[in-house]
Amino acid sequence: MYESCGLLIDGAWRCASDGACIVVRSPATGEPVGSVPAAIGADEAAALM
């Protein structure tokens, strides 16, 4: 189980630009198991540079 993970951009782990996250739930129980950053356009642009 994990608590959170980040976006790997330019060799560094970071949060989404706006700090938003998506809760990941277990398909078996519906319980939250962690969260992932909700990347936005600015994150995409940074990753593609």
N, C-alpha and C. Protein backbone atom coordinates (compact mmCIF):
# COMPACT_ATOMS: atom_id res chain seq x y z
N MET A 1 0.85 -1.18 0.00
CA MET A 1 0.00 0.00 0.00
C MET A 1 0.89 1.24 0.00
N TYR A 2 0.43 2.27 -0.65
CA TYR A 2 1.17 3.51 -0.70
C TYR A 2 0.27 4.65 -0.22
N GLU A 3 0.87 5.75 0.13
CA GLU A 3 0.08 6.90 0.55
C GLU A 3 -0.04 7.91 -0.58
N SER A 4 1.06 8.21 -1.23
CA SER A 4 1.01 9.15 -2.35
C SER A 4 2.22 8.95 -3.24
N CYS A 5 2.13 9.45 -4.43
CA CYS A 5 3.26 9.43 -5.34
C CYS A 5 3.23 10.74 -6.12
N GLY A 6 4.27 11.00 -6.86
CA GLY A 6 4.36 12.28 -7.56
C GLY A 6 4.49 12.10 -9.06
N LEU A 7 4.70 13.23 -9.71
CA LEU A 7 4.94 13.26 -11.15
C LEU A 7 6.45 13.30 -11.36
N LEU A 8 6.97 12.44 -12.19
CA LEU A 8 8.39 12.45 -12.49
C LEU A 8 8.59 13.35 -13.71
N ILE A 9 9.10 14.55 -13.47
CA ILE A 9 9.30 15.53 -14.53
C ILE A 9 10.74 16.03 -14.46
N ASP A 10 11.44 15.91 -15.57
CA ASP A 10 12.83 16.37 -15.67
C ASP A 10 13.72 15.73 -14.60
N GLY A 11 13.48 14.45 -14.33
CA GLY A 11 14.32 13.71 -13.40
C GLY A 11 14.04 13.96 -11.93
N ALA A 12 12.98 14.70 -11.62
CA ALA A 12 12.65 15.00 -10.22
C ALA A 12 11.18 14.69 -9.95
N TRP A 13 10.90 14.18 -8.75
CA TRP A 13 9.52 13.92 -8.34
C TRP A 13 8.92 15.22 -7.83
N ARG A 14 7.71 15.53 -8.28
CA ARG A 14 7.04 16.75 -7.83
C ARG A 14 5.54 16.55 -7.74
N CYS A 15 4.90 17.47 -7.05
CA CYS A 15 3.44 17.49 -6.95
C CYS A 15 2.87 18.14 -8.20
N ALA A 16 1.58 18.00 -8.41
CA ALA A 16 0.91 18.71 -9.50
C ALA A 16 1.04 20.21 -9.25
N SER A 17 1.07 20.98 -10.33
CA SER A 17 1.25 22.43 -10.23
C SER A 17 0.24 23.09 -9.31
N ASP A 18 -1.00 22.62 -9.37
CA ASP A 18 -2.04 23.24 -8.54
C ASP A 18 -2.28 22.49 -7.23
N GLY A 19 -1.49 21.45 -6.98
CA GLY A 19 -1.59 20.69 -5.74
C GLY A 19 -2.75 19.71 -5.67
N ALA A 20 -3.52 19.59 -6.75
CA ALA A 20 -4.69 18.70 -6.74
C ALA A 20 -4.26 17.23 -6.82
N CYS A 21 -5.02 16.37 -6.15
CA CYS A 21 -4.76 14.93 -6.16
C CYS A 21 -6.05 14.17 -6.45
N ILE A 22 -5.88 12.95 -6.93
CA ILE A 22 -6.99 12.04 -7.17
C ILE A 22 -6.86 10.89 -6.18
N VAL A 23 -7.91 10.59 -5.47
CA VAL A 23 -7.90 9.48 -4.51
C VAL A 23 -8.03 8.17 -5.28
N VAL A 24 -7.17 7.21 -4.96
CA VAL A 24 -7.20 5.88 -5.56
C VAL A 24 -7.88 4.96 -4.56
N ARG A 25 -8.89 4.22 -5.03
CA ARG A 25 -9.66 3.34 -4.16
C ARG A 25 -9.48 1.88 -4.56
N SER A 26 -9.53 1.02 -3.58
CA SER A 26 -9.47 -0.42 -3.82
C SER A 26 -10.73 -0.84 -4.57
N PRO A 27 -10.59 -1.56 -5.68
CA PRO A 27 -11.78 -2.03 -6.39
C PRO A 27 -12.55 -3.08 -5.59
N ALA A 28 -11.88 -3.75 -4.67
CA ALA A 28 -12.53 -4.79 -3.88
C ALA A 28 -13.37 -4.22 -2.74
N THR A 29 -12.87 -3.17 -2.10
CA THR A 29 -13.56 -2.65 -0.91
C THR A 29 -14.08 -1.23 -1.05
N GLY A 30 -13.55 -0.49 -2.02
CA GLY A 30 -13.93 0.91 -2.16
C GLY A 30 -13.20 1.83 -1.20
N GLU A 31 -12.35 1.25 -0.36
CA GLU A 31 -11.60 2.05 0.61
C GLU A 31 -10.45 2.77 -0.09
N PRO A 32 -10.13 3.99 0.36
CA PRO A 32 -8.97 4.69 -0.22
C PRO A 32 -7.67 3.95 0.11
N VAL A 33 -6.80 3.83 -0.89
CA VAL A 33 -5.50 3.19 -0.68
C VAL A 33 -4.35 4.16 -0.92
N GLY A 34 -4.63 5.32 -1.44
CA GLY A 34 -3.58 6.31 -1.70
C GLY A 34 -4.11 7.43 -2.56
N SER A 35 -3.18 8.21 -3.09
CA SER A 35 -3.56 9.31 -3.98
C SER A 35 -2.47 9.52 -5.02
N VAL A 36 -2.86 10.10 -6.13
CA VAL A 36 -1.93 10.44 -7.20
C VAL A 36 -2.17 11.88 -7.60
N PRO A 37 -1.13 12.58 -8.06
CA PRO A 37 -1.32 13.97 -8.46
C PRO A 37 -2.19 14.06 -9.71
N ALA A 38 -3.01 15.09 -9.76
CA ALA A 38 -3.86 15.35 -10.92
C ALA A 38 -3.14 16.36 -11.80
N ALA A 39 -2.37 15.87 -12.76
CA ALA A 39 -1.58 16.74 -13.63
C ALA A 39 -2.49 17.65 -14.45
N ILE A 40 -2.02 18.86 -14.66
CA ILE A 40 -2.74 19.82 -15.50
C ILE A 40 -1.84 20.20 -16.67
N GLY A 41 -2.32 21.07 -17.53
CA GLY A 41 -1.57 21.48 -18.73
C GLY A 41 -0.17 21.97 -18.44
N ALA A 42 0.01 22.71 -17.36
CA ALA A 42 1.34 23.22 -17.01
C ALA A 42 2.30 22.07 -16.70
N ASP A 43 1.80 21.01 -16.08
CA ASP A 43 2.64 19.85 -15.79
C ASP A 43 3.01 19.14 -17.09
N GLU A 44 2.06 19.02 -17.99
CA GLU A 44 2.32 18.40 -19.29
C GLU A 44 3.37 19.19 -20.05
N ALA A 45 3.23 20.50 -20.07
CA ALA A 45 4.20 21.35 -20.77
C ALA A 45 5.59 21.19 -20.18
N ALA A 46 5.69 21.14 -18.86
CA ALA A 46 7.00 20.97 -18.20
C ALA A 46 7.61 19.62 -18.55
N ALA A 47 6.78 18.59 -18.65
CA ALA A 47 7.28 17.26 -18.96
C ALA A 47 7.77 17.15 -20.40
N LEU A 48 7.17 17.93 -21.29
CA LEU A 48 7.53 17.85 -22.70
C LEU A 48 8.67 18.77 -23.10
N MET A 49 9.10 19.62 -22.19
CA MET A 49 10.21 20.54 -22.52
C MET A 49 11.52 19.82 -22.58
